[in-house]
Amino acid sequence: MANEIVKSEGNSAVAQYTGGVDLGSILAEELDGLNLSFDRIKIPSGGGLAFEVPGDDPDSPDTVKEFKAVILHHHPINCYYKEEYTGGNNPPDCGSMDGHIGIDGETGEVKSCADCPFNKFGSGKNGAKACKQKRRIYLLREGEQLPIILSLPTGSLSEFSKYVMRLLSKGKKTNSVVTKFTLKKVQNSGGINYSQAVFGVDRELTSEELAAITPMSEQVKAMANKVTALDEE
Protein backbone atom coordinates (compact mmCIF):
# COMPACT_ATOMS: atom_id res chain seq x y z
CA MET A 1 0.00 0.00 0.00
CA ALA A 2 1.27 3.46 -0.84
CA ASN A 3 2.58 5.58 2.00
CA GLU A 4 0.45 8.56 2.95
CA ILE A 5 2.15 11.88 2.29
CA VAL A 6 -0.62 14.08 3.67
CA LYS A 7 -1.58 14.03 7.32
CA SER A 8 -4.85 15.30 8.70
CA GLU A 9 -4.87 19.06 9.08
CA GLY A 10 -4.79 20.30 12.65
CA ASN A 11 -2.70 22.41 14.98
CA SER A 12 0.26 20.05 14.57
CA ALA A 13 0.00 20.37 10.78
CA VAL A 14 0.04 24.16 10.96
CA ALA A 15 3.39 24.05 12.70
CA GLN A 16 4.87 22.05 9.83
CA TYR A 17 5.05 25.15 7.63
CA THR A 18 6.76 27.42 10.16
CA GLY A 19 10.27 25.96 10.08
CA GLY A 20 11.80 28.17 7.42
CA VAL A 21 15.32 27.12 6.41
CA ASP A 22 18.18 28.81 4.59
CA LEU A 23 18.22 26.71 1.42
CA GLY A 24 21.29 28.47 0.06
CA SER A 25 23.45 27.54 3.02
CA ILE A 26 22.19 23.96 3.23
CA LEU A 27 22.66 23.24 -0.46
CA ALA A 28 26.01 25.02 -0.70
CA GLU A 29 27.37 22.90 2.13
CA GLU A 30 25.93 19.53 1.18
CA LEU A 31 25.92 19.78 -2.64
CA ASP A 32 29.28 21.42 -3.30
CA GLY A 33 30.41 20.00 -6.64
CA LEU A 34 27.19 18.05 -7.13
CA ASN A 35 24.19 18.69 -9.37
CA LEU A 36 21.17 20.42 -7.87
CA SER A 37 18.15 18.29 -8.70
CA PHE A 38 15.03 18.05 -6.56
CA ASP A 39 12.73 15.03 -6.33
CA ARG A 40 9.65 15.04 -8.55
CA ILE A 41 6.00 14.19 -8.38
CA LYS A 42 4.77 12.67 -11.64
CA ILE A 43 1.41 12.93 -13.36
CA PRO A 44 0.38 9.64 -15.02
CA SER A 45 -0.48 9.24 -18.68
CA GLY A 46 -3.62 7.81 -20.23
CA GLY A 47 -6.08 9.29 -17.77
CA GLY A 48 -4.71 7.73 -14.58
CA LEU A 49 -5.97 9.27 -11.34
CA ALA A 50 -2.99 8.74 -9.02
CA PHE A 51 0.22 10.76 -8.72
CA GLU A 52 3.60 9.06 -8.40
CA VAL A 53 5.29 10.50 -5.33
CA PRO A 54 8.85 9.80 -4.14
CA GLY A 55 8.84 7.66 -1.00
CA ASP A 56 11.43 6.01 1.20
CA ASP A 57 12.37 3.58 -1.58
CA PRO A 58 13.53 5.50 -4.70
CA ASP A 59 12.83 2.44 -6.86
CA SER A 60 9.25 2.13 -5.65
CA PRO A 61 7.41 5.47 -5.59
CA ASP A 62 4.17 5.86 -3.70
CA THR A 63 0.89 6.45 -5.55
CA VAL A 64 -1.65 8.88 -4.11
CA LYS A 65 -4.91 10.27 -5.45
CA GLU A 66 -4.37 13.63 -3.79
CA PHE A 67 -1.79 15.59 -1.85
CA LYS A 68 -1.43 19.02 -0.28
CA ALA A 69 1.47 21.44 -0.48
CA VAL A 70 2.45 25.09 -0.58
CA ILE A 71 3.45 26.40 -4.02
CA LEU A 72 6.77 28.16 -3.41
CA HIS A 73 7.38 29.23 -7.01
CA HIS A 74 6.31 28.37 -10.55
CA HIS A 75 7.50 29.29 -14.02
CA PRO A 76 7.03 28.26 -17.68
CA ILE A 77 9.35 25.87 -19.49
CA ASN A 78 9.43 24.81 -23.13
CA CYS A 79 10.63 21.46 -24.49
CA TYR A 80 11.13 20.54 -28.13
CA TYR A 81 11.96 17.04 -29.38
CA LYS A 82 12.71 16.37 -33.04
CA GLU A 83 11.45 12.81 -32.62
CA GLU A 84 8.31 12.01 -30.68
CA TYR A 85 9.06 11.93 -26.96
CA THR A 86 8.40 8.47 -25.51
CA GLY A 87 9.56 9.04 -21.93
CA GLY A 88 12.84 8.56 -20.13
CA ASN A 89 15.51 11.02 -19.06
CA ASN A 90 16.74 12.11 -22.47
CA PRO A 91 16.98 15.92 -22.64
CA PRO A 92 15.05 17.84 -25.29
CA ASP A 93 16.68 18.91 -28.55
CA CYS A 94 15.88 22.46 -27.54
CA GLY A 95 14.70 23.64 -24.15
CA SER A 96 13.84 26.82 -22.31
CA MET A 97 13.94 27.19 -18.54
CA ASP A 98 11.89 30.40 -18.58
CA GLY A 99 9.57 29.90 -21.55
CA HIS A 100 11.17 32.81 -23.38
CA ILE A 101 14.76 31.96 -24.31
CA GLY A 102 15.56 28.51 -25.70
CA ILE A 103 18.93 26.80 -26.04
CA ASP A 104 19.64 24.30 -28.81
CA GLY A 105 20.88 21.13 -27.11
CA GLU A 106 23.33 20.28 -29.92
CA THR A 107 24.78 23.64 -30.94
CA GLY A 108 24.17 25.74 -27.84
CA GLU A 109 22.52 28.38 -30.00
CA VAL A 110 20.30 30.78 -28.09
CA LYS A 111 16.85 31.27 -29.63
CA SER A 112 13.83 33.43 -28.98
CA CYS A 113 10.83 31.24 -28.17
CA ALA A 114 8.44 33.91 -29.43
CA ASP A 115 10.02 33.81 -32.91
CA CYS A 116 10.58 30.05 -33.13
CA PRO A 117 8.51 28.28 -35.82
CA PHE A 118 8.12 25.26 -33.54
CA ASN A 119 6.30 27.50 -31.06
CA LYS A 120 3.51 28.13 -33.54
CA PHE A 121 0.22 26.28 -33.72
CA GLY A 122 0.25 23.88 -36.65
CA SER A 123 3.93 22.98 -36.29
CA GLY A 124 3.06 19.79 -34.38
CA LYS A 125 0.56 16.97 -34.56
CA ASN A 126 -3.14 17.73 -34.95
CA GLY A 127 -2.50 21.44 -35.29
CA ALA A 128 -0.69 21.73 -31.95
CA LYS A 129 2.71 23.28 -31.30
CA ALA A 130 5.77 21.08 -31.89
CA CYS A 131 7.39 22.71 -28.84
CA LYS A 132 5.48 21.79 -25.71
CA GLN A 133 4.67 24.44 -23.12
CA LYS A 134 4.73 23.20 -19.53
CA ARG A 135 4.84 24.68 -16.05
CA ARG A 136 7.39 23.77 -13.41
CA ILE A 137 6.03 24.10 -9.87
CA TYR A 138 8.19 24.02 -6.75
CA LEU A 139 6.23 22.63 -3.82
CA LEU A 140 6.82 22.36 -0.09
CA ARG A 141 5.01 19.44 1.50
CA GLU A 142 4.09 19.17 5.13
CA GLY A 143 6.98 18.15 7.38
CA GLU A 144 9.68 18.62 4.71
CA GLN A 145 12.42 21.23 4.33
CA LEU A 146 13.33 20.89 0.66
CA PRO A 147 11.10 21.64 -2.34
CA ILE A 148 9.81 18.97 -4.67
CA ILE A 149 8.98 19.57 -8.35
CA LEU A 150 5.71 18.98 -10.17
CA SER A 151 5.81 19.56 -13.93
CA LEU A 152 2.43 20.38 -15.39
CA PRO A 153 1.89 19.13 -18.95
CA THR A 154 0.23 21.30 -21.58
CA GLY A 155 -3.19 19.80 -20.88
CA SER A 156 -3.16 21.03 -17.27
CA LEU A 157 -2.10 24.62 -17.91
CA SER A 158 -5.60 26.00 -18.42
CA GLU A 159 -6.76 24.60 -15.06
CA PHE A 160 -3.72 26.04 -13.32
CA SER A 161 -4.28 29.44 -14.95
CA LYS A 162 -7.88 29.46 -13.68
CA TYR A 163 -6.71 28.55 -10.20
CA VAL A 164 -4.12 31.32 -10.10
CA MET A 165 -6.69 33.83 -11.32
CA ARG A 166 -9.16 32.76 -8.62
CA LEU A 167 -6.49 33.36 -6.00
CA LEU A 168 -5.47 36.72 -7.43
CA SER A 169 -9.10 37.87 -7.58
CA LYS A 170 -9.21 37.37 -3.79
CA GLY A 171 -5.90 39.14 -3.20
CA LYS A 172 -4.00 35.91 -2.62
CA LYS A 173 -0.83 34.50 -4.16
CA THR A 174 -0.06 30.83 -4.71
CA ASN A 175 2.47 30.81 -1.86
CA SER A 176 -0.05 32.15 0.67
CA VAL A 177 -2.26 29.05 0.75
CA VAL A 178 -2.02 25.29 1.07
CA THR A 179 -3.10 23.86 -2.28
CA LYS A 180 -4.86 20.54 -2.73
CA PHE A 181 -3.83 18.63 -5.87
CA THR A 182 -6.01 15.96 -7.52
CA LEU A 183 -6.45 14.51 -11.01
CA LYS A 184 -9.32 14.01 -13.40
CA LYS A 185 -9.62 12.01 -16.60
CA VAL A 186 -10.32 14.08 -19.72
CA GLN A 187 -10.26 13.52 -23.46
CA ASN A 188 -8.66 15.69 -26.12
CA SER A 189 -10.08 16.56 -29.52
CA GLY A 190 -8.43 13.48 -31.01
CA GLY A 191 -10.22 11.15 -28.59
CA ILE A 192 -7.12 10.45 -26.49
CA ASN A 193 -7.57 10.20 -22.72
CA TYR A 194 -5.13 12.04 -20.49
CA SER A 195 -4.74 13.03 -16.84
CA GLN A 196 -5.44 16.65 -15.98
CA ALA A 197 -4.37 18.22 -12.71
CA VAL A 198 -7.01 19.94 -10.59
CA PHE A 199 -6.25 22.58 -7.95
CA GLY A 200 -8.13 23.86 -4.92
CA VAL A 201 -7.46 25.83 -1.75
CA ASP A 202 -7.21 23.63 1.33
CA ARG A 203 -6.62 26.53 3.70
CA GLU A 204 -4.84 29.85 3.99
CA LEU A 205 -1.45 30.03 5.68
CA THR A 206 -1.29 31.62 9.09
CA SER A 207 0.71 34.83 9.45
CA GLU A 208 3.46 32.83 11.18
CA GLU A 209 3.61 30.32 8.34
CA LEU A 210 3.59 33.02 5.68
CA ALA A 211 6.51 34.76 7.39
CA ALA A 212 8.52 31.53 7.03
CA ILE A 213 7.35 30.66 3.53
CA THR A 214 7.93 34.07 1.90
CA PRO A 215 11.76 34.12 2.19
CA MET A 216 11.89 30.46 1.16
CA SER A 217 9.90 31.31 -1.97
CA GLU A 218 12.43 34.01 -2.82
CA GLN A 219 15.31 31.57 -2.39
CA VAL A 220 13.67 28.99 -4.66
CA LYS A 221 12.95 31.66 -7.27
CA ALA A 222 16.61 32.70 -7.26
CA MET A 223 17.90 29.15 -7.68
CA ALA A 224 15.22 27.88 -10.09
CA ASN A 225 17.35 28.34 -13.20
CA LYS A 226 20.17 26.34 -11.58
CA VAL A 227 18.15 23.17 -11.14
CA THR A 228 19.56 20.54 -13.47
CA ALA A 229 17.72 18.30 -15.95
CA LEU A 230 15.20 19.97 -18.19
CA ASP A 231 13.90 16.60 -19.28
CA GLU A 232 10.27 16.28 -18.27
CA GLU A 233 8.46 13.01 -17.72
C-alpha atoms as a PDB file:
ATOM      1  CA  MET A   1       0.000   0.000   0.000  1.00  0.00           C
ATOM      2  CA  ALA A   2       1.269   3.464  -0.839  1.00  0.00           C
ATOM      3  CA  ASN A   3       2.578   5.579   2.004  1.00  0.00           C
ATOM      4  CA  GLU A   4       0.449   8.557   2.953  1.00  0.00           C
ATOM      5  CA  ILE A   5       2.145  11.882   2.288  1.00  0.00           C
ATOM      6  CA  VAL A   6      -0.623  14.077   3.671  1.00  0.00           C
ATOM      7  CA  LYS A   7      -1.584  14.026   7.317  1.00  0.00           C
ATOM      8  CA  SER A   8      -4.854  15.301   8.697  1.00  0.00           C
ATOM      9  CA  GLU A   9      -4.867  19.060   9.078  1.00  0.00           C
ATOM     10  CA  GLY A  10      -4.791  20.304  12.647  1.00  0.00           C
ATOM     11  CA  ASN A  11      -2.699  22.413  14.979  1.00  0.00           C
ATOM     12  CA  SER A  12       0.256  20.054  14.568  1.00  0.00           C
ATOM     13  CA  ALA A  13      -0.001  20.369  10.780  1.00  0.00           C
ATOM     14  CA  VAL A  14       0.042  24.161  10.958  1.00  0.00           C
ATOM     15  CA  ALA A  15       3.395  24.050  12.702  1.00  0.00           C
ATOM     16  CA  GLN A  16       4.868  22.045   9.830  1.00  0.00           C
ATOM     17  CA  TYR A  17       5.049  25.148   7.632  1.00  0.00           C
ATOM     18  CA  THR A  18       6.760  27.418  10.155  1.00  0.00           C
ATOM     19  CA  GLY A  19      10.270  25.955  10.085  1.00  0.00           C
ATOM     20  CA  GLY A  20      11.803  28.167   7.416  1.00  0.00           C
ATOM     21  CA  VAL A  21      15.317  27.122   6.406  1.00  0.00           C
ATOM     22  CA  ASP A  22      18.179  28.806   4.591  1.00  0.00           C
ATOM     23  CA  LEU A  23      18.218  26.709   1.422  1.00  0.00           C
ATOM     24  CA  GLY A  24      21.286  28.468   0.057  1.00  0.00           C
ATOM     25  CA  SER A  25      23.453  27.541   3.024  1.00  0.00           C
ATOM     26  CA  ILE A  26      22.190  23.964   3.234  1.00  0.00           C
ATOM     27  CA  LEU A  27      22.656  23.244  -0.461  1.00  0.00           C
ATOM     28  CA  ALA A  28      26.014  25.022  -0.703  1.00  0.00           C
ATOM     29  CA  GLU A  29      27.375  22.901   2.133  1.00  0.00           C
ATOM     30  CA  GLU A  30      25.929  19.526   1.182  1.00  0.00           C
ATOM     31  CA  LEU A  31      25.921  19.780  -2.641  1.00  0.00           C
ATOM     32  CA  ASP A  32      29.275  21.418  -3.295  1.00  0.00           C
ATOM     33  CA  GLY A  33      30.415  20.002  -6.639  1.00  0.00           C
ATOM     34  CA  LEU A  34      27.187  18.054  -7.131  1.00  0.00           C
ATOM     35  CA  ASN A  35      24.186  18.691  -9.372  1.00  0.00           C
ATOM     36  CA  LEU A  36      21.173  20.416  -7.868  1.00  0.00           C
ATOM     37  CA  SER A  37      18.147  18.288  -8.704  1.00  0.00           C
ATOM     38  CA  PHE A  38      15.031  18.047  -6.556  1.00  0.00           C
ATOM     39  CA  ASP A  39      12.731  15.026  -6.331  1.00  0.00           C
ATOM     40  CA  ARG A  40       9.651  15.039  -8.555  1.00  0.00           C
ATOM     41  CA  ILE A  41       5.999  14.193  -8.375  1.00  0.00           C
ATOM     42  CA  LYS A  42       4.772  12.670 -11.637  1.00  0.00           C
ATOM     43  CA  ILE A  43       1.411  12.927 -13.358  1.00  0.00           C
ATOM     44  CA  PRO A  44       0.380   9.636 -15.025  1.00  0.00           C
ATOM     45  CA  SER A  45      -0.484   9.236 -18.682  1.00  0.00           C
ATOM     46  CA  GLY A  46      -3.622   7.814 -20.228  1.00  0.00           C
ATOM     47  CA  GLY A  47      -6.079   9.286 -17.772  1.00  0.00           C
ATOM     48  CA  GLY A  48      -4.706   7.735 -14.578  1.00  0.00           C
ATOM     49  CA  LEU A  49      -5.974   9.272 -11.338  1.00  0.00           C
ATOM     50  CA  ALA A  50      -2.991   8.740  -9.017  1.00  0.00           C
ATOM     51  CA  PHE A  51       0.218  10.755  -8.722  1.00  0.00           C
ATOM     52  CA  GLU A  52       3.604   9.058  -8.402  1.00  0.00           C
ATOM     53  CA  VAL A  53       5.287  10.500  -5.328  1.00  0.00           C
ATOM     54  CA  PRO A  54       8.849   9.804  -4.135  1.00  0.00           C
ATOM     55  CA  GLY A  55       8.841   7.656  -0.999  1.00  0.00           C
ATOM     56  CA  ASP A  56      11.429   6.014   1.204  1.00  0.00           C
ATOM     57  CA  ASP A  57      12.369   3.582  -1.582  1.00  0.00           C
ATOM     58  CA  PRO A  58      13.532   5.504  -4.699  1.00  0.00           C
ATOM     59  CA  ASP A  59      12.827   2.445  -6.864  1.00  0.00           C
ATOM     60  CA  SER A  60       9.255   2.126  -5.648  1.00  0.00           C
ATOM     61  CA  PRO A  61       7.408   5.471  -5.593  1.00  0.00           C
ATOM     62  CA  ASP A  62       4.167   5.864  -3.704  1.00  0.00           C
ATOM     63  CA  THR A  63       0.894   6.447  -5.549  1.00  0.00           C
ATOM     64  CA  VAL A  64      -1.653   8.880  -4.114  1.00  0.00           C
ATOM     65  CA  LYS A  65      -4.909  10.271  -5.452  1.00  0.00           C
ATOM     66  CA  GLU A  66      -4.370  13.627  -3.788  1.00  0.00           C
ATOM     67  CA  PHE A  67      -1.792  15.586  -1.848  1.00  0.00           C
ATOM     68  CA  LYS A  68      -1.430  19.022  -0.283  1.00  0.00           C
ATOM     69  CA  ALA A  69       1.473  21.439  -0.480  1.00  0.00           C
ATOM     70  CA  VAL A  70       2.449  25.089  -0.584  1.00  0.00           C
ATOM     71  CA  ILE A  71       3.453  26.400  -4.017  1.00  0.00           C
ATOM     72  CA  LEU A  72       6.768  28.163  -3.415  1.00  0.00           C
ATOM     73  CA  HIS A  73       7.383  29.229  -7.006  1.00  0.00           C
ATOM     74  CA  HIS A  74       6.313  28.365 -10.550  1.00  0.00           C
ATOM     75  CA  HIS A  75       7.502  29.286 -14.023  1.00  0.00           C
ATOM     76  CA  PRO A  76       7.026  28.260 -17.675  1.00  0.00           C
ATOM     77  CA  ILE A  77       9.349  25.874 -19.491  1.00  0.00           C
ATOM     78  CA  ASN A  78       9.432  24.811 -23.134  1.00  0.00           C
ATOM     79  CA  CYS A  79      10.630  21.457 -24.487  1.00  0.00           C
ATOM     80  CA  TYR A  80      11.128  20.536 -28.135  1.00  0.00           C
ATOM     81  CA  TYR A  81      11.963  17.039 -29.376  1.00  0.00           C
ATOM     82  CA  LYS A  82      12.706  16.369 -33.036  1.00  0.00           C
ATOM     83  CA  GLU A  83      11.451  12.808 -32.618  1.00  0.00           C
ATOM     84  CA  GLU A  84       8.306  12.007 -30.682  1.00  0.00           C
ATOM     85  CA  TYR A  85       9.059  11.929 -26.956  1.00  0.00           C
ATOM     86  CA  THR A  86       8.396   8.473 -25.507  1.00  0.00           C
ATOM     87  CA  GLY A  87       9.563   9.035 -21.932  1.00  0.00           C
ATOM     88  CA  GLY A  88      12.843   8.556 -20.132  1.00  0.00           C
ATOM     89  CA  ASN A  89      15.506  11.017 -19.063  1.00  0.00           C
ATOM     90  CA  ASN A  90      16.745  12.109 -22.468  1.00  0.00           C
ATOM     91  CA  PRO A  91      16.984  15.918 -22.641  1.00  0.00           C
ATOM     92  CA  PRO A  92      15.052  17.843 -25.287  1.00  0.00           C
ATOM     93  CA  ASP A  93      16.678  18.908 -28.551  1.00  0.00           C
ATOM     94  CA  CYS A  94      15.884  22.461 -27.539  1.00  0.00           C
ATOM     95  CA  GLY A  95      14.697  23.643 -24.150  1.00  0.00           C
ATOM     96  CA  SER A  96      13.844  26.822 -22.313  1.00  0.00           C
ATOM     97  CA  MET A  97      13.937  27.193 -18.544  1.00  0.00           C
ATOM     98  CA  ASP A  98      11.890  30.400 -18.583  1.00  0.00           C
ATOM     99  CA  GLY A  99       9.569  29.899 -21.553  1.00  0.00           C
ATOM    100  CA  HIS A 100      11.171  32.808 -23.382  1.00  0.00           C
ATOM    101  CA  ILE A 101      14.763  31.956 -24.313  1.00  0.00           C
ATOM    102  CA  GLY A 102      15.561  28.507 -25.700  1.00  0.00           C
ATOM    103  CA  ILE A 103      18.928  26.804 -26.045  1.00  0.00           C
ATOM    104  CA  ASP A 104      19.642  24.295 -28.808  1.00  0.00           C
ATOM    105  CA  GLY A 105      20.882  21.134 -27.111  1.00  0.00           C
ATOM    106  CA  GLU A 106      23.335  20.279 -29.919  1.00  0.00           C
ATOM    107  CA  THR A 107      24.777  23.643 -30.943  1.00  0.00           C
ATOM    108  CA  GLY A 108      24.175  25.739 -27.836  1.00  0.00           C
ATOM    109  CA  GLU A 109      22.521  28.381 -29.999  1.00  0.00           C
ATOM    110  CA  VAL A 110      20.299  30.782 -28.086  1.00  0.00           C
ATOM    111  CA  LYS A 111      16.854  31.274 -29.628  1.00  0.00           C
ATOM    112  CA  SER A 112      13.825  33.431 -28.982  1.00  0.00           C
ATOM    113  CA  CYS A 113      10.828  31.236 -28.169  1.00  0.00           C
ATOM    114  CA  ALA A 114       8.438  33.912 -29.434  1.00  0.00           C
ATOM    115  CA  ASP A 115      10.019  33.811 -32.905  1.00  0.00           C
ATOM    116  CA  CYS A 116      10.576  30.050 -33.129  1.00  0.00           C
ATOM    117  CA  PRO A 117       8.514  28.281 -35.821  1.00  0.00           C
ATOM    118  CA  PHE A 118       8.124  25.259 -33.536  1.00  0.00           C
ATOM    119  CA  ASN A 119       6.305  27.501 -31.059  1.00  0.00           C
ATOM    120  CA  LYS A 120       3.506  28.128 -33.545  1.00  0.00           C
ATOM    121  CA  PHE A 121       0.219  26.281 -33.717  1.00  0.00           C
ATOM    122  CA  GLY A 122       0.252  23.880 -36.652  1.00  0.00           C
ATOM    123  CA  SER A 123       3.927  22.981 -36.289  1.00  0.00           C
ATOM    124  CA  GLY A 124       3.064  19.789 -34.377  1.00  0.00           C
ATOM    125  CA  LYS A 125       0.562  16.973 -34.559  1.00  0.00           C
ATOM    126  CA  ASN A 126      -3.140  17.733 -34.952  1.00  0.00           C
ATOM    127  CA  GLY A 127      -2.500  21.443 -35.291  1.00  0.00           C
ATOM    128  CA  ALA A 128      -0.688  21.728 -31.948  1.00  0.00           C
ATOM    129  CA  LYS A 129       2.710  23.275 -31.299  1.00  0.00           C
ATOM    130  CA  ALA A 130       5.770  21.083 -31.886  1.00  0.00           C
ATOM    131  CA  CYS A 131       7.392  22.708 -28.843  1.00  0.00           C
ATOM    132  CA  LYS A 132       5.483  21.795 -25.708  1.00  0.00           C
ATOM    133  CA  GLN A 133       4.667  24.441 -23.118  1.00  0.00           C
ATOM    134  CA  LYS A 134       4.733  23.197 -19.533  1.00  0.00           C
ATOM    135  CA  ARG A 135       4.838  24.677 -16.048  1.00  0.00           C
ATOM    136  CA  ARG A 136       7.394  23.773 -13.407  1.00  0.00           C
ATOM    137  CA  ILE A 137       6.027  24.099  -9.875  1.00  0.00           C
ATOM    138  CA  TYR A 138       8.186  24.017  -6.751  1.00  0.00           C
ATOM    139  CA  LEU A 139       6.229  22.632  -3.817  1.00  0.00           C
ATOM    140  CA  LEU A 140       6.825  22.362  -0.085  1.00  0.00           C
ATOM    141  CA  ARG A 141       5.015  19.440   1.497  1.00  0.00           C
ATOM    142  CA  GLU A 142       4.091  19.172   5.132  1.00  0.00           C
ATOM    143  CA  GLY A 143       6.980  18.155   7.377  1.00  0.00           C
ATOM    144  CA  GLU A 144       9.680  18.623   4.707  1.00  0.00           C
ATOM    145  CA  GLN A 145      12.416  21.233   4.333  1.00  0.00           C
ATOM    146  CA  LEU A 146      13.331  20.892   0.659  1.00  0.00           C
ATOM    147  CA  PRO A 147      11.105  21.637  -2.341  1.00  0.00           C
ATOM    148  CA  ILE A 148       9.806  18.970  -4.675  1.00  0.00           C
ATOM    149  CA  ILE A 149       8.977  19.565  -8.349  1.00  0.00           C
ATOM    150  CA  LEU A 150       5.707  18.982 -10.168  1.00  0.00           C
ATOM    151  CA  SER A 151       5.812  19.561 -13.930  1.00  0.00           C
ATOM    152  CA  LEU A 152       2.432  20.383 -15.389  1.00  0.00           C
ATOM    153  CA  PRO A 153       1.889  19.133 -18.948  1.00  0.00           C
ATOM    154  CA  THR A 154       0.225  21.303 -21.576  1.00  0.00           C
ATOM    155  CA  GLY A 155      -3.194  19.797 -20.883  1.00  0.00           C
ATOM    156  CA  SER A 156      -3.164  21.035 -17.270  1.00  0.00           C
ATOM    157  CA  LEU A 157      -2.097  24.621 -17.905  1.00  0.00           C
ATOM    158  CA  SER A 158      -5.603  26.003 -18.417  1.00  0.00           C
ATOM    159  CA  GLU A 159      -6.765  24.595 -15.060  1.00  0.00           C
ATOM    160  CA  PHE A 160      -3.722  26.043 -13.317  1.00  0.00           C
ATOM    161  CA  SER A 161      -4.284  29.440 -14.946  1.00  0.00           C
ATOM    162  CA  LYS A 162      -7.879  29.460 -13.685  1.00  0.00           C
ATOM    163  CA  TYR A 163      -6.713  28.550 -10.198  1.00  0.00           C
ATOM    164  CA  VAL A 164      -4.117  31.322 -10.100  1.00  0.00           C
ATOM    165  CA  MET A 165      -6.692  33.835 -11.324  1.00  0.00           C
ATOM    166  CA  ARG A 166      -9.160  32.758  -8.621  1.00  0.00           C
ATOM    167  CA  LEU A 167      -6.490  33.363  -6.003  1.00  0.00           C
ATOM    168  CA  LEU A 168      -5.469  36.723  -7.433  1.00  0.00           C
ATOM    169  CA  SER A 169      -9.099  37.869  -7.576  1.00  0.00           C
ATOM    170  CA  LYS A 170      -9.211  37.368  -3.785  1.00  0.00           C
ATOM    171  CA  GLY A 171      -5.900  39.139  -3.198  1.00  0.00           C
ATOM    172  CA  LYS A 172      -4.000  35.906  -2.616  1.00  0.00           C
ATOM    173  CA  LYS A 173      -0.833  34.496  -4.156  1.00  0.00           C
ATOM    174  CA  THR A 174      -0.058  30.835  -4.711  1.00  0.00           C
ATOM    175  CA  ASN A 175       2.470  30.807  -1.855  1.00  0.00           C
ATOM    176  CA  SER A 176      -0.055  32.149   0.666  1.00  0.00           C
ATOM    177  CA  VAL A 177      -2.265  29.052   0.752  1.00  0.00           C
ATOM    178  CA  VAL A 178      -2.022  25.293   1.071  1.00  0.00           C
ATOM    179  CA  THR A 179      -3.102  23.861  -2.281  1.00  0.00           C
ATOM    180  CA  LYS A 180      -4.859  20.535  -2.729  1.00  0.00           C
ATOM    181  CA  PHE A 181      -3.829  18.633  -5.873  1.00  0.00           C
ATOM    182  CA  THR A 182      -6.013  15.965  -7.520  1.00  0.00           C
ATOM    183  CA  LEU A 183      -6.449  14.505 -11.007  1.00  0.00           C
ATOM    184  CA  LYS A 184      -9.324  14.007 -13.401  1.00  0.00           C
ATOM    185  CA  LYS A 185      -9.616  12.011 -16.600  1.00  0.00           C
ATOM    186  CA  VAL A 186     -10.319  14.081 -19.720  1.00  0.00           C
ATOM    187  CA  GLN A 187     -10.261  13.515 -23.464  1.00  0.00           C
ATOM    188  CA  ASN A 188      -8.662  15.692 -26.116  1.00  0.00           C
ATOM    189  CA  SER A 189     -10.085  16.563 -29.522  1.00  0.00           C
ATOM    190  CA  GLY A 190      -8.431  13.478 -31.005  1.00  0.00           C
ATOM    191  CA  GLY A 191     -10.224  11.154 -28.594  1.00  0.00           C
ATOM    192  CA  ILE A 192      -7.125  10.455 -26.493  1.00  0.00           C
ATOM    193  CA  ASN A 193      -7.567  10.198 -22.723  1.00  0.00           C
ATOM    194  CA  TYR A 194      -5.132  12.040 -20.487  1.00  0.00           C
ATOM    195  CA  SER A 195      -4.739  13.026 -16.841  1.00  0.00           C
ATOM    196  CA  GLN A 196      -5.442  16.651 -15.979  1.00  0.00           C
ATOM    197  CA  ALA A 197      -4.371  18.218 -12.706  1.00  0.00           C
ATOM    198  CA  VAL A 198      -7.014  19.941 -10.590  1.00  0.00           C
ATOM    199  CA  PHE A 199      -6.255  22.579  -7.946  1.00  0.00           C
ATOM    200  CA  GLY A 200      -8.128  23.863  -4.923  1.00  0.00           C
ATOM    201  CA  VAL A 201      -7.457  25.827  -1.745  1.00  0.00           C
ATOM    202  CA  ASP A 202      -7.214  23.626   1.326  1.00  0.00           C
ATOM    203  CA  ARG A 203      -6.618  26.534   3.699  1.00  0.00           C
ATOM    204  CA  GLU A 204      -4.836  29.846   3.991  1.00  0.00           C
ATOM    205  CA  LEU A 205      -1.452  30.027   5.682  1.00  0.00           C
ATOM    206  CA  THR A 206      -1.292  31.619   9.092  1.00  0.00           C
ATOM    207  CA  SER A 207       0.712  34.832   9.455  1.00  0.00           C
ATOM    208  CA  GLU A 208       3.455  32.833  11.177  1.00  0.00           C
ATOM    209  CA  GLU A 209       3.607  30.320   8.338  1.00  0.00           C
ATOM    210  CA  LEU A 210       3.587  33.024   5.680  1.00  0.00           C
ATOM    211  CA  ALA A 211       6.507  34.762   7.389  1.00  0.00           C
ATOM    212  CA  ALA A 212       8.518  31.526   7.034  1.00  0.00           C
ATOM    213  CA  ILE A 213       7.345  30.658   3.529  1.00  0.00           C
ATOM    214  CA  THR A 214       7.930  34.069   1.896  1.00  0.00           C
ATOM    215  CA  PRO A 215      11.763  34.115   2.188  1.00  0.00           C
ATOM    216  CA  MET A 216      11.891  30.461   1.162  1.00  0.00           C
ATOM    217  CA  SER A 217       9.904  31.307  -1.971  1.00  0.00           C
ATOM    218  CA  GLU A 218      12.425  34.013  -2.820  1.00  0.00           C
ATOM    219  CA  GLN A 219      15.309  31.566  -2.391  1.00  0.00           C
ATOM    220  CA  VAL A 220      13.668  28.992  -4.659  1.00  0.00           C
ATOM    221  CA  LYS A 221      12.945  31.663  -7.267  1.00  0.00           C
ATOM    222  CA  ALA A 222      16.607  32.701  -7.257  1.00  0.00           C
ATOM    223  CA  MET A 223      17.898  29.152  -7.678  1.00  0.00           C
ATOM    224  CA  ALA A 224      15.216  27.879 -10.091  1.00  0.00           C
ATOM    225  CA  ASN A 225      17.349  28.337 -13.201  1.00  0.00           C
ATOM    226  CA  LYS A 226      20.173  26.344 -11.585  1.00  0.00           C
ATOM    227  CA  VAL A 227      18.153  23.170 -11.140  1.00  0.00           C
ATOM    228  CA  THR A 228      19.560  20.540 -13.466  1.00  0.00           C
ATOM    229  CA  ALA A 229      17.717  18.302 -15.947  1.00  0.00           C
ATOM    230  CA  LEU A 230      15.201  19.969 -18.189  1.00  0.00           C
ATOM    231  CA  ASP A 231      13.899  16.602 -19.283  1.00  0.00           C
ATOM    232  CA  GLU A 232      10.269  16.277 -18.270  1.00  0.00           C
ATOM    233  CA  GLU A 233       8.459  13.010 -17.715  1.00  0.00           C
END
